[in-house]
């Protein structure tokens, strides 16, 4: 495994495969050892939490799950490729 990835934190990426294909978001964090990353609003998972001071009755929180780095592409590169092919996509309103 190489520790050099094609993306870094705060980059805007597009998911190119999987259930969230086509979604864009900013990278929240990168785990280089597992070659995964967390993207805002992508791969949302539900987490059940027990009672605590922040949630006196317990709660179901929604948070981002990890995505493998091979399933994302830099948004600038994606847009350039789409323009070159003539299939320009209108920017999604987030």
PDB file of N, CA and C in Angstrom:
ATOM      1  N   UNK A   1       0.841  -1.189   0.000  1.00  0.00           N
ATOM      2  CA  UNK A   1       0.000   0.000   0.000  1.00  0.00           C
ATOM      3  C   UNK A   1       0.878   1.241   0.000  1.00  0.00           C
ATOM      4  N   UNK A   2       0.578   2.169  -0.898  1.00  0.00           N
ATOM      5  CA  UNK A   2       1.337   3.410  -0.901  1.00  0.00           C
ATOM      6  C   UNK A   2       0.589   4.442  -0.066  1.00  0.00           C
ATOM      7  N   UNK A   3       1.338   5.334   0.567  1.00  0.00           N
ATOM      8  CA  UNK A   3       0.709   6.328   1.413  1.00  0.00           C
ATOM      9  C   UNK A   3       0.368   7.587   0.623  1.00  0.00           C
ATOM     10  N   UNK A   4       0.692   7.609  -0.673  1.00  0.00           N
ATOM     11  CA  UNK A   4       0.430   8.772  -1.512  1.00  0.00           C
ATOM     12  C   UNK A   4      -0.910   8.582  -2.219  1.00  0.00           C
ATOM     13  N   UNK A   5      -1.880   9.440  -1.921  1.00  0.00           N
ATOM     14  CA  UNK A   5      -3.203   9.345  -2.522  1.00  0.00           C
ATOM     15  C   UNK A   5      -3.427  10.526  -3.463  1.00  0.00           C
ATOM     16  N   UNK A   6      -4.395  10.408  -4.371  1.00  0.00           N
ATOM     17  CA  UNK A   6      -4.651  11.468  -5.338  1.00  0.00           C
ATOM     18  C   UNK A   6      -5.555  12.573  -4.797  1.00  0.00           C
ATOM     19  N   UNK A   7      -5.990  12.459  -3.537  1.00  0.00           N
ATOM     20  CA  UNK A   7      -6.839  13.477  -2.920  1.00  0.00           C
ATOM     21  C   UNK A   7      -6.324  13.800  -1.528  1.00  0.00           C
ATOM     22  N   UNK A   8      -6.743  14.950  -1.008  1.00  0.00           N
ATOM     23  CA  UNK A   8      -6.371  15.326   0.355  1.00  0.00           C
ATOM     24  C   UNK A   8      -7.554  16.013   1.027  1.00  0.00           C
ATOM     25  N   UNK A   9      -7.438  16.267   2.311  1.00  0.00           N
ATOM     26  CA  UNK A   9      -8.527  16.883   3.065  1.00  0.00           C
ATOM     27  C   UNK A   9      -8.899  18.238   2.456  1.00  0.00           C
ATOM     28  N   UNK A  10     -10.169  18.580   2.491  1.00  0.00           N
ATOM     29  CA  UNK A  10     -10.744  19.826   1.978  1.00  0.00           C
ATOM     30  C   UNK A  10     -10.842  19.888   0.448  1.00  0.00           C
ATOM     31  N   UNK A  11     -10.451  18.822  -0.269  1.00  0.00           N
ATOM     32  CA  UNK A  11     -10.669  18.766  -1.716  1.00  0.00           C
ATOM     33  C   UNK A  11     -12.151  18.488  -1.973  1.00  0.00           C
ATOM     34  N   UNK A  12     -12.672  18.997  -3.076  1.00  0.00           N
ATOM     35  CA  UNK A  12     -14.043  18.673  -3.487  1.00  0.00           C
ATOM     36  C   UNK A  12     -13.955  17.508  -4.459  1.00  0.00           C
ATOM     37  N   UNK A  13     -14.728  16.448  -4.171  1.00  0.00           N
ATOM     38  CA  UNK A  13     -14.668  15.238  -4.980  1.00  0.00           C
ATOM     39  C   UNK A  13     -16.062  14.840  -5.455  1.00  0.00           C
ATOM     40  N   UNK A  14     -16.089  13.983  -6.484  1.00  0.00           N
ATOM     41  CA  UNK A  14     -17.327  13.404  -7.007  1.00  0.00           C
ATOM     42  C   UNK A  14     -17.219  11.900  -6.825  1.00  0.00           C
ATOM     43  N   UNK A  15     -18.300  11.275  -6.319  1.00  0.00           N
ATOM     44  CA  UNK A  15     -18.321   9.822  -6.180  1.00  0.00           C
ATOM     45  C   UNK A  15     -18.612   9.246  -7.561  1.00  0.00           C
ATOM     46  N   UNK A  16     -17.750   8.336  -8.031  1.00  0.00           N
ATOM     47  CA  UNK A  16     -17.905   7.822  -9.393  1.00  0.00           C
ATOM     48  C   UNK A  16     -18.514   6.431  -9.451  1.00  0.00           C
ATOM     49  N   UNK A  17     -18.686   5.776  -8.317  1.00  0.00           N
ATOM     50  CA  UNK A  17     -19.318   4.462  -8.323  1.00  0.00           C
ATOM     51  C   UNK A  17     -19.947   4.191  -6.959  1.00  0.00           C
ATOM     52  N   UNK A  18     -20.917   3.294  -6.918  1.00  0.00           N
ATOM     53  CA  UNK A  18     -21.575   2.932  -5.663  1.00  0.00           C
ATOM     54  C   UNK A  18     -22.942   3.567  -5.534  1.00  0.00           C
ATOM     55  N   UNK A  19     -23.548   3.406  -4.366  1.00  0.00           N
ATOM     56  CA  UNK A  19     -24.918   3.875  -4.174  1.00  0.00           C
ATOM     57  C   UNK A  19     -25.038   5.394  -4.193  1.00  0.00           C
ATOM     58  N   UNK A  20     -23.949   6.111  -3.929  1.00  0.00           N
ATOM     59  CA  UNK A  20     -23.971   7.572  -3.924  1.00  0.00           C
ATOM     60  C   UNK A  20     -23.330   8.156  -5.179  1.00  0.00           C
ATOM     61  N   UNK A  21     -23.338   7.405  -6.266  1.00  0.00           N
ATOM     62  CA  UNK A  21     -22.706   7.835  -7.512  1.00  0.00           C
ATOM     63  C   UNK A  21     -23.259   9.190  -7.957  1.00  0.00           C
ATOM     64  N   UNK A  22     -22.344  10.093  -8.320  1.00  0.00           N
ATOM     65  CA  UNK A  22     -22.744  11.412  -8.796  1.00  0.00           C
ATOM     66  C   UNK A  22     -22.770  12.479  -7.725  1.00  0.00           C
ATOM     67  N   UNK A  23     -22.737  12.095  -6.462  1.00  0.00           N
ATOM     68  CA  UNK A  23     -22.770  13.080  -5.390  1.00  0.00           C
ATOM     69  C   UNK A  23     -21.415  13.763  -5.249  1.00  0.00           C
ATOM     70  N   UNK A  24     -21.460  15.045  -4.875  1.00  0.00           N
ATOM     71  CA  UNK A  24     -20.241  15.824  -4.650  1.00  0.00           C
ATOM     72  C   UNK A  24     -20.171  16.215  -3.189  1.00  0.00           C
ATOM     73  N   UNK A  25     -18.954  16.395  -2.718  1.00  0.00           N
ATOM     74  CA  UNK A  25     -18.784  16.852  -1.354  1.00  0.00           C
ATOM     75  C   UNK A  25     -17.334  17.134  -1.054  1.00  0.00           C
ATOM     76  N   UNK A  26     -17.122  17.786   0.086  1.00  0.00           N
ATOM     77  CA  UNK A  26     -15.769  18.120   0.514  1.00  0.00           C
ATOM     78  C   UNK A  26     -15.263  17.006   1.421  1.00  0.00           C
ATOM     79  N   UNK A  27     -13.992  16.677   1.292  1.00  0.00           N
ATOM     80  CA  UNK A  27     -13.412  15.613   2.111  1.00  0.00           C
ATOM     81  C   UNK A  27     -13.236  16.116   3.542  1.00  0.00           C
ATOM     82  N   UNK A  28     -13.786  15.361   4.497  1.00  0.00           N
ATOM     83  CA  UNK A  28     -13.678  15.711   5.915  1.00  0.00           C
ATOM     84  C   UNK A  28     -12.374  15.180   6.483  1.00  0.00           C
ATOM     85  N   UNK A  29     -12.074  13.907   6.206  1.00  0.00           N
ATOM     86  CA  UNK A  29     -10.825  13.320   6.703  1.00  0.00           C
ATOM     87  C   UNK A  29     -10.402  12.166   5.807  1.00  0.00           C
ATOM     88  N   UNK A  30      -9.101  11.841   5.893  1.00  0.00           N
ATOM     89  CA  UNK A  30      -8.520  10.779   5.080  1.00  0.00           C
ATOM     90  C   UNK A  30      -7.807   9.801   6.006  1.00  0.00           C
ATOM     91  N   UNK A  31      -8.034   8.491   5.790  1.00  0.00           N
ATOM     92  CA  UNK A  31      -7.333   7.446   6.542  1.00  0.00           C
ATOM     93  C   UNK A  31      -6.393   6.766   5.551  1.00  0.00           C
ATOM     94  N   UNK A  32      -5.114   7.161   5.574  1.00  0.00           N
ATOM     95  CA  UNK A  32      -4.186   6.672   4.552  1.00  0.00           C
ATOM     96  C   UNK A  32      -3.898   5.182   4.688  1.00  0.00           C
ATOM     97  N   UNK A  33      -3.849   4.661   5.906  1.00  0.00           N
ATOM     98  CA  UNK A  33      -3.542   3.237   6.084  1.00  0.00           C
ATOM     99  C   UNK A  33      -4.595   2.342   5.450  1.00  0.00           C
ATOM    100  N   UNK A  34      -5.867   2.728   5.551  1.00  0.00           N
ATOM    101  CA  UNK A  34      -6.949   1.927   4.977  1.00  0.00           C
ATOM    102  C   UNK A  34      -7.343   2.414   3.587  1.00  0.00           C
ATOM    103  N   UNK A  35      -6.719   3.506   3.123  1.00  0.00           N
ATOM    104  CA  UNK A  35      -7.047   4.126   1.838  1.00  0.00           C
ATOM    105  C   UNK A  35      -8.534   4.443   1.735  1.00  0.00           C
ATOM    106  N   UNK A  36      -9.085   5.021   2.801  1.00  0.00           N
ATOM    107  CA  UNK A  36     -10.483   5.431   2.804  1.00  0.00           C
ATOM    108  C   UNK A  36     -10.560   6.903   3.159  1.00  0.00           C
ATOM    109  N   UNK A  37     -11.731   7.489   2.884  1.00  0.00           N
ATOM    110  CA  UNK A  37     -11.938   8.875   3.245  1.00  0.00           C
ATOM    111  C   UNK A  37     -13.398   9.105   3.585  1.00  0.00           C
ATOM    112  N   UNK A  38     -13.648  10.217   4.263  1.00  0.00           N
ATOM    113  CA  UNK A  38     -14.998  10.602   4.664  1.00  0.00           C
ATOM    114  C   UNK A  38     -15.354  11.873   3.914  1.00  0.00           C
ATOM    115  N   UNK A  39     -16.506  11.867   3.230  1.00  0.00           N
ATOM    116  CA  UNK A  39     -16.936  12.993   2.407  1.00  0.00           C
ATOM    117  C   UNK A  39     -18.256  13.519   2.962  1.00  0.00           C
ATOM    118  N   UNK A  40     -18.387  14.851   3.024  1.00  0.00           N
ATOM    119  CA  UNK A  40     -19.611  15.482   3.537  1.00  0.00           C
ATOM    120  C   UNK A  40     -20.842  15.034   2.766  1.00  0.00           C
ATOM    121  N   UNK A  41     -21.848  14.527   3.471  1.00  0.00           N
ATOM    122  CA  UNK A  41     -23.120  14.183   2.861  1.00  0.00           C
ATOM    123  C   UNK A  41     -23.139  12.931   2.002  1.00  0.00           C
ATOM    124  N   UNK A  42     -22.073  12.130   2.050  1.00  0.00           N
ATOM    125  CA  UNK A  42     -21.991  10.932   1.221  1.00  0.00           C
ATOM    126  C   UNK A  42     -21.850   9.708   2.126  1.00  0.00           C
ATOM    127  N   UNK A  43     -22.508   8.615   1.754  1.00  0.00           N
ATOM    128  CA  UNK A  43     -22.487   7.362   2.518  1.00  0.00           C
ATOM    129  C   UNK A  43     -22.970   7.591   3.956  1.00  0.00           C
ATOM    130  N   UNK A  44     -24.156   8.174   4.086  1.00  0.00           N
ATOM    131  CA  UNK A  44     -24.728   8.477   5.404  1.00  0.00           C
ATOM    132  C   UNK A  44     -25.165   7.177   6.076  1.00  0.00           C
ATOM    133  N   UNK A  45     -24.719   6.993   7.319  1.00  0.00           N
ATOM    134  CA  UNK A  45     -25.078   5.814   8.099  1.00  0.00           C
ATOM    135  C   UNK A  45     -25.721   6.250   9.408  1.00  0.00           C
ATOM    136  N   UNK A  46     -26.599   5.404   9.924  1.00  0.00           N
ATOM    137  CA  UNK A  46     -27.248   5.712  11.200  1.00  0.00           C
ATOM    138  C   UNK A  46     -26.490   5.055  12.335  1.00  0.00           C
ATOM    139  N   UNK A  47     -26.269   5.805  13.419  1.00  0.00           N
ATOM    140  CA  UNK A  47     -25.572   5.278  14.582  1.00  0.00           C
ATOM    141  C   UNK A  47     -26.471   5.458  15.794  1.00  0.00           C
ATOM    142  N   UNK A  48     -26.750   4.371  16.476  1.00  0.00           N
ATOM    143  CA  UNK A  48     -27.578   4.410  17.672  1.00  0.00           C
ATOM    144  C   UNK A  48     -26.683   4.671  18.873  1.00  0.00           C
ATOM    145  N   UNK A  49     -27.035   5.682  19.681  1.00  0.00           N
ATOM    146  CA  UNK A  49     -26.235   5.999  20.862  1.00  0.00           C
ATOM    147  C   UNK A  49     -27.067   5.779  22.119  1.00  0.00           C
ATOM    148  N   UNK A  50     -26.390   5.313  23.159  1.00  0.00           N
ATOM    149  CA  UNK A  50     -27.053   5.080  24.438  1.00  0.00           C
ATOM    150  C   UNK A  50     -27.332   6.413  25.120  1.00  0.00           C
ATOM    151  N   UNK A  51     -28.087   6.354  26.213  1.00  0.00           N
ATOM    152  CA  UNK A  51     -28.361   7.553  26.988  1.00  0.00           C
ATOM    153  C   UNK A  51     -27.057   8.146  27.497  1.00  0.00           C
ATOM    154  N   UNK A  52     -26.934   9.464  27.392  1.00  0.00           N
ATOM    155  CA  UNK A  52     -25.800  10.171  27.984  1.00  0.00           C
ATOM    156  C   UNK A  52     -26.227  11.611  28.253  1.00  0.00           C
ATOM    157  N   UNK A  53     -25.305  12.457  28.682  1.00  0.00           N
ATOM    158  CA  UNK A  53     -25.695  13.820  29.029  1.00  0.00           C
ATOM    159  C   UNK A  53     -26.148  14.627  27.813  1.00  0.00           C
ATOM    160  N   UNK A  54     -25.525  14.404  26.668  1.00  0.00           N
ATOM    161  CA  UNK A  54     -25.943  15.136  25.472  1.00  0.00           C
ATOM    162  C   UNK A  54     -27.296  14.652  24.957  1.00  0.00           C
ATOM    163  N   UNK A  55     -27.572  13.336  25.106  1.00  0.00           N
ATOM    164  CA  UNK A  55     -28.817  12.738  24.635  1.00  0.00           C
ATOM    165  C   UNK A  55     -29.448  11.953  25.786  1.00  0.00           C
ATOM    166  N   UNK A  56     -30.245  12.629  26.612  1.00  0.00           N
ATOM    167  CA  UNK A  56     -30.804  11.962  27.802  1.00  0.00           C
ATOM    168  C   UNK A  56     -31.704  10.765  27.490  1.00  0.00           C
ATOM    169  N   UNK A  57     -32.315  10.730  26.315  1.00  0.00           N
ATOM    170  CA  UNK A  57     -33.180   9.602  25.954  1.00  0.00           C
ATOM    171  C   UNK A  57     -32.520   8.665  24.950  1.00  0.00           C
ATOM    172  N   UNK A  58     -31.240   8.884  24.667  1.00  0.00           N
ATOM    173  CA  UNK A  58     -30.601   8.132  23.606  1.00  0.00           C
ATOM    174  C   UNK A  58     -30.967   8.783  22.279  1.00  0.00           C
ATOM    175  N   UNK A  59     -30.349   8.359  21.196  1.00  0.00           N
ATOM    176  CA  UNK A  59     -30.650   8.992  19.912  1.00  0.00           C
ATOM    177  C   UNK A  59     -30.168   8.120  18.763  1.00  0.00           C
ATOM    178  N   UNK A  60     -30.634   8.475  17.580  1.00  0.00           N
ATOM    179  CA  UNK A  60     -30.126   7.863  16.359  1.00  0.00           C
ATOM    180  C   UNK A  60     -29.477   8.990  15.571  1.00  0.00           C
ATOM    181  N   UNK A  61     -28.154   8.957  15.472  1.00  0.00           N
ATOM    182  CA  UNK A  61     -27.410   9.995  14.782  1.00  0.00           C
ATOM    183  C   UNK A  61     -27.098   9.553  13.359  1.00  0.00           C
ATOM    184  N   UNK A  62     -27.073  10.506  12.444  1.00  0.00           N
ATOM    185  CA  UNK A  62     -26.670  10.207  11.080  1.00  0.00           C
ATOM    186  C   UNK A  62     -25.290  10.795  10.867  1.00  0.00           C
ATOM    187  N   UNK A  63     -24.363   9.974  10.380  1.00  0.00           N
ATOM    188  CA  UNK A  63     -23.003  10.445  10.142  1.00  0.00           C
ATOM    189  C   UNK A  63     -22.456   9.812   8.879  1.00  0.00           C
ATOM    190  N   UNK A  64     -21.393  10.422   8.357  1.00  0.00           N
ATOM    191  CA  UNK A  64     -20.780   9.923   7.135  1.00  0.00           C
ATOM    192  C   UNK A  64     -19.989   8.654   7.413  1.00  0.00           C
ATOM    193  N   UNK A  65     -20.045   7.723   6.477  1.00  0.00           N
ATOM    194  CA  UNK A  65     -19.258   6.503   6.568  1.00  0.00           C
ATOM    195  C   UNK A  65     -18.068   6.592   5.630  1.00  0.00           C
ATOM    196  N   UNK A  66     -17.137   5.652   5.743  1.00  0.00           N
ATOM    197  CA  UNK A  66     -15.937   5.697   4.901  1.00  0.00           C
ATOM    198  C   UNK A  66     -16.220   5.264   3.460  1.00  0.00           C
ATOM    199  N   UNK A  67     -15.443   5.827   2.532  1.00  0.00           N
ATOM    200  CA  UNK A  67     -15.502   5.462   1.118  1.00  0.00           C
ATOM    201  C   UNK A  67     -14.079   5.169   0.677  1.00  0.00           C
ATOM    202  N   UNK A  68     -13.911   4.140  -0.137  1.00  0.00           N
ATOM    203  CA  UNK A  68     -12.562   3.835  -0.626  1.00  0.00           C
ATOM    204  C   UNK A  68     -12.121   4.911  -1.606  1.00  0.00           C
ATOM    205  N   UNK A  69     -10.845   5.244  -1.547  1.00  0.00           N
ATOM    206  CA  UNK A  69     -10.302   6.346  -2.348  1.00  0.00           C
ATOM    207  C   UNK A  69     -10.458   6.097  -3.849  1.00  0.00           C
ATOM    208  N   UNK A  70     -10.538   4.837  -4.273  1.00  0.00           N
ATOM    209  CA  UNK A  70     -10.677   4.535  -5.698  1.00  0.00           C
ATOM    210  C   UNK A  70     -12.081   4.855  -6.213  1.00  0.00           C
ATOM    211  N   UNK A  71     -13.033   5.118  -5.318  1.00  0.00           N
ATOM    212  CA  UNK A  71     -14.409   5.388  -5.733  1.00  0.00           C
ATOM    213  C   UNK A  71     -14.721   6.870  -5.875  1.00  0.00           C
ATOM    214  N   UNK A  72     -13.703   7.728  -5.740  1.00  0.00           N
ATOM    215  CA  UNK A  72     -13.919   9.161  -5.889  1.00  0.00           C
ATOM    216  C   UNK A  72     -12.933   9.745  -6.892  1.00  0.00           C
ATOM    217  N   UNK A  73     -13.313  10.913  -7.440  1.00  0.00           N
ATOM    218  CA  UNK A  73     -12.454  11.631  -8.381  1.00  0.00           C
ATOM    219  C   UNK A  73     -12.544  13.113  -8.046  1.00  0.00           C
ATOM    220  N   UNK A  74     -11.441  13.830  -8.201  1.00  0.00           N
ATOM    221  CA  UNK A  74     -11.458  15.268  -7.979  1.00  0.00           C
ATOM    222  C   UNK A  74     -12.523  15.903  -8.869  1.00  0.00           C
ATOM    223  N   UNK A  75     -13.298  16.835  -8.313  1.00  0.00           N
ATOM    224  CA  UNK A  75     -14.395  17.445  -9.056  1.00  0.00           C
ATOM    225  C   UNK A  75     -13.888  18.191 -10.285  1.00  0.00           C
ATOM    226  N   UNK A  76     -12.753  18.873 -10.176  1.00  0.00           N
ATOM    227  CA  UNK A  76     -12.215  19.618 -11.311  1.00  0.00           C
ATOM    228  C   UNK A  76     -11.870  18.671 -12.467  1.00  0.00           C
ATOM    229  N   UNK A  77     -11.268  17.549 -12.127  1.00  0.00           N
ATOM    230  CA  UNK A  77     -10.899  16.554 -13.145  1.00  0.00           C
ATOM    231  C   UNK A  77     -12.160  15.944 -13.767  1.00  0.00           C
ATOM    232  N   UNK A  78     -13.166  15.682 -12.943  1.00  0.00           N
ATOM    233  CA  UNK A  78     -14.429  15.110 -13.412  1.00  0.00           C
ATOM    234  C   UNK A  78     -15.117  16.070 -14.379  1.00  0.00           C
ATOM    235  N   UNK A  79     -15.165  17.361 -14.021  1.00  0.00           N
ATOM    236  CA  UNK A  79     -15.812  18.364 -14.866  1.00  0.00           C
ATOM    237  C   UNK A  79     -15.069  18.538 -16.184  1.00  0.00           C
ATOM    238  N   UNK A  80     -13.727  18.523 -16.126  1.00  0.00           N
ATOM    239  CA  UNK A  80     -12.927  18.647 -17.342  1.00  0.00           C
ATOM    240  C   UNK A  80     -13.180  17.463 -18.266  1.00  0.00           C
ATOM    241  N   UNK A  81     -13.278  16.275 -17.704  1.00  0.00           N
ATOM    242  CA  UNK A  81     -13.530  15.072 -18.503  1.00  0.00           C
ATOM    243  C   UNK A  81     -14.920  15.135 -19.134  1.00  0.00           C
ATOM    244  N   UNK A  82     -15.918  15.598 -18.353  1.00  0.00           N
ATOM    245  CA  UNK A  82     -17.285  15.704 -18.872  1.00  0.00           C
ATOM    246  C   UNK A  82     -17.358  16.740 -19.990  1.00  0.00           C
ATOM    247  N   UNK A  83     -16.661  17.856 -19.847  1.00  0.00           N
ATOM    248  CA  UNK A  83     -16.665  18.897 -20.877  1.00  0.00           C
ATOM    249  C   UNK A  83     -15.997  18.391 -22.144  1.00  0.00           C
ATOM    250  N   UNK A  84     -14.929  17.635 -21.981  1.00  0.00           N
ATOM    251  CA  UNK A  84     -14.204  17.095 -23.134  1.00  0.00           C
ATOM    252  C   UNK A  84     -15.083  16.122 -23.911  1.00  0.00           C
ATOM    253  N   UNK A  85     -15.888  15.342 -23.198  1.00  0.00           N
ATOM    254  CA  UNK A  85     -16.765  14.372 -23.845  1.00  0.00           C
ATOM    255  C   UNK A  85     -18.035  15.021 -24.369  1.00  0.00           C
ATOM    256  N   UNK A  86     -18.285  16.270 -23.961  1.00  0.00           N
ATOM    257  CA  UNK A  86     -19.497  16.963 -24.408  1.00  0.00           C
ATOM    258  C   UNK A  86     -20.719  16.590 -23.603  1.00  0.00           C
ATOM    259  N   UNK A  87     -20.525  16.022 -22.412  1.00  0.00           N
ATOM    260  CA  UNK A  87     -21.650  15.661 -21.548  1.00  0.00           C
ATOM    261  C   UNK A  87     -21.593  16.497 -20.281  1.00  0.00           C
ATOM    262  N   UNK A  88     -21.405  17.802 -20.458  1.00  0.00           N
ATOM    263  CA  UNK A  88     -21.260  18.694 -19.303  1.00  0.00           C
ATOM    264  C   UNK A  88     -22.493  18.592 -18.413  1.00  0.00           C
ATOM    265  N   UNK A  89     -22.250  18.464 -17.122  1.00  0.00           N
ATOM    266  CA  UNK A  89     -23.307  18.321 -16.148  1.00  0.00           C
ATOM    267  C   UNK A  89     -23.474  19.656 -15.435  1.00  0.00           C
ATOM    268  N   UNK A  90     -24.728  20.091 -15.254  1.00  0.00           N
ATOM    269  CA  UNK A  90     -24.954  21.336 -14.513  1.00  0.00           C
ATOM    270  C   UNK A  90     -24.548  21.119 -13.072  1.00  0.00           C
ATOM    271  N   UNK A  91     -23.924  22.140 -12.458  1.00  0.00           N
ATOM    272  CA  UNK A  91     -23.502  21.986 -11.057  1.00  0.00           C
ATOM    273  C   UNK A  91     -24.707  21.725 -10.151  1.00  0.00           C
ATOM    274  N   UNK A  92     -24.583  20.739  -9.285  1.00  0.00           N
ATOM    275  CA  UNK A  92     -25.671  20.395  -8.370  1.00  0.00           C
ATOM    276  C   UNK A  92     -25.833  21.481  -7.322  1.00  0.00           C
ATOM    277  N   UNK A  93     -27.079  21.790  -6.993  1.00  0.00           N
ATOM    278  CA  UNK A  93     -27.325  22.795  -5.952  1.00  0.00           C
ATOM    279  C   UNK A  93     -27.313  22.116  -4.609  1.00  0.00           C
ATOM    280  N   UNK A  94     -26.312  22.433  -3.807  1.00  0.00           N
ATOM    281  CA  UNK A  94     -26.155  21.748  -2.529  1.00  0.00           C
ATOM    282  C   UNK A  94     -26.655  22.568  -1.389  1.00  0.00           C
TER     283      UNK A  94
END
